Amino acid sequence: MKECRILHARAEDLGKMQLHREKYDVVVSRAVAPMRVLSEYCLPFVRVGGYFIAHKGPAAPEEIRSAGQAIRILGGRIDNMEKVDITGSEKTHILVVIEKVAKTPSKYPRSAGKPKKSPL
């Protein structure tokens, strides 16, 4: 890997900045929100042809079903879901891989709190 950058900031702020918008090959997230909310926060960072990988739990298949429209609106396409074993964890872990196939409309991500209160 030539370059890796880790950022710590509110996604809804950085996702609007040209410096970070649609610039990254891969964006990863842990299971901090429902898939349709995570997609709105993360897909604006991913370049077309790149990937968003979400670490989710056992509800991942249902979350994907309810997030399908949001993922499409945001320029993504479900590529793969893969169950992974994590040493020392009895929980179910699923990596959801979303390919970025189109640009994210400029109105996304919406301001803080809106994606959670009114998901796509």
Protein backbone atom coordinates (compact mmCIF):
# COMPACT_ATOMS: atom_id res chain seq x y z
CA MET A 1 0.00 0.00 0.00
CA LYS A 2 1.49 3.32 -1.04
CA GLU A 3 -0.59 5.66 1.04
CA CYS A 4 -3.09 5.26 3.82
CA ARG A 5 -4.89 8.14 5.50
CA ILE A 6 -6.99 7.87 8.63
CA LEU A 7 -9.33 10.74 9.39
CA HIS A 8 -11.26 11.49 12.55
CA ALA A 9 -14.08 13.99 12.02
CA ARG A 10 -17.81 14.18 11.44
CA ALA A 11 -18.54 12.51 8.12
CA GLU A 12 -21.36 14.92 7.35
CA ASP A 13 -18.84 17.81 7.49
CA LEU A 14 -15.91 16.23 5.62
CA GLY A 15 -18.20 14.65 3.01
CA LYS A 16 -19.08 18.10 1.68
CA MET A 17 -15.45 19.25 1.35
CA GLN A 18 -13.90 18.94 -2.13
CA LEU A 19 -10.61 17.88 -0.51
CA HIS A 20 -12.28 14.62 0.60
CA ARG A 21 -15.32 14.18 -1.61
CA GLU A 22 -15.10 11.14 -3.91
CA LYS A 23 -11.33 10.89 -3.40
CA TYR A 24 -10.78 7.55 -1.65
CA ASP A 25 -10.38 4.04 -3.03
CA VAL A 26 -11.74 2.34 0.09
CA VAL A 27 -13.77 3.65 3.02
CA VAL A 28 -14.49 1.41 6.01
CA SER A 29 -16.93 1.71 8.86
CA ARG A 30 -17.83 -0.23 11.95
CA ALA A 31 -21.46 -0.97 12.83
CA VAL A 32 -22.38 2.41 14.30
CA ALA A 33 -25.67 3.03 12.48
CA PRO A 34 -28.19 1.35 10.18
CA MET A 35 -26.84 0.64 6.69
CA ARG A 36 -28.87 3.35 4.95
CA VAL A 37 -27.47 5.96 7.37
CA LEU A 38 -23.89 4.64 7.12
CA SER A 39 -24.15 4.70 3.33
CA GLU A 40 -25.11 8.37 3.36
CA TYR A 41 -22.17 9.18 5.62
CA CYS A 42 -19.57 7.05 3.81
CA LEU A 43 -20.35 6.81 0.08
CA PRO A 44 -19.65 10.54 -0.57
CA PHE A 45 -15.97 9.86 0.25
CA VAL A 46 -15.56 6.96 -2.19
CA ARG A 47 -14.38 7.59 -5.75
CA VAL A 48 -16.35 5.99 -8.58
CA GLY A 49 -14.84 2.52 -8.95
CA GLY A 50 -13.89 2.39 -5.26
CA TYR A 51 -15.50 0.53 -2.36
CA PHE A 52 -17.27 1.16 0.91
CA ILE A 53 -16.89 -1.73 3.39
CA ALA A 54 -19.20 -1.79 6.40
CA HIS A 55 -18.58 -4.11 9.35
CA LYS A 56 -22.07 -5.20 10.43
CA GLY A 57 -23.70 -7.75 12.69
CA PRO A 58 -26.27 -10.51 12.12
CA ALA A 59 -28.95 -8.05 10.92
CA ALA A 60 -26.87 -7.16 7.84
CA PRO A 61 -29.08 -8.97 5.27
CA GLU A 62 -32.21 -7.16 6.51
CA GLU A 63 -30.37 -3.83 6.66
CA ILE A 64 -29.25 -4.30 3.06
CA ARG A 65 -32.83 -4.93 1.95
CA SER A 66 -34.06 -1.74 3.63
CA ALA A 67 -31.06 0.29 2.40
CA GLY A 68 -31.20 -0.70 -1.28
CA GLN A 69 -32.83 2.49 -2.51
CA ALA A 70 -30.54 4.72 -0.43
CA ILE A 71 -27.45 2.92 -1.71
CA ARG A 72 -28.59 3.39 -5.32
CA ILE A 73 -29.40 7.10 -4.77
CA LEU A 74 -25.93 7.60 -3.28
CA GLY A 75 -24.19 5.94 -6.25
CA GLY A 76 -23.52 2.51 -4.78
CA ARG A 77 -24.19 -1.10 -5.70
CA ILE A 78 -24.01 -4.08 -3.34
CA ASP A 79 -20.99 -6.12 -4.40
CA ASN A 80 -20.71 -8.75 -1.69
CA MET A 81 -21.59 -9.76 1.86
CA GLU A 82 -19.14 -12.02 3.63
CA LYS A 83 -19.36 -13.57 7.06
CA VAL A 84 -16.04 -13.34 8.91
CA ASP A 85 -14.79 -14.97 12.10
CA ILE A 86 -13.04 -12.75 14.61
CA THR A 87 -10.87 -14.49 17.15
CA GLY A 88 -12.32 -14.20 20.63
CA SER A 89 -15.75 -13.05 19.47
CA GLU A 90 -18.86 -15.21 19.58
CA LYS A 91 -20.88 -12.62 17.66
CA THR A 92 -21.76 -12.80 13.97
CA HIS A 93 -19.63 -10.43 11.89
CA ILE A 94 -20.51 -9.60 8.29
CA LEU A 95 -18.57 -7.37 5.93
CA VAL A 96 -20.85 -5.59 3.47
CA VAL A 97 -18.98 -4.47 0.35
CA ILE A 98 -20.54 -1.72 -1.74
CA GLU A 99 -19.01 -0.66 -5.04
CA LYS A 100 -19.31 3.02 -6.00
CA VAL A 101 -20.73 3.01 -9.54
CA ALA A 102 -21.91 6.62 -9.88
CA LYS A 103 -21.25 10.00 -8.30
CA THR A 104 -23.13 10.87 -5.12
CA PRO A 105 -25.54 13.80 -5.59
CA SER A 106 -24.07 16.97 -4.05
CA LYS A 107 -26.89 17.34 -1.50
CA TYR A 108 -25.53 14.30 0.38
CA PRO A 109 -24.53 13.85 3.10
CA ARG A 110 -27.17 15.97 4.76
CA SER A 111 -26.38 17.93 7.92
CA ALA A 112 -25.81 16.27 11.30
CA GLY A 113 -28.75 14.23 12.56
CA LYS A 114 -30.88 14.35 9.40
CA PRO A 115 -29.81 10.96 7.98
CA LYS A 116 -30.73 9.27 11.26
CA LYS A 117 -34.02 11.18 11.80
CA SER A 118 -35.12 10.89 8.18
CA PRO A 119 -33.22 8.06 6.42
CA LEU A 120 -33.32 7.78 2.64
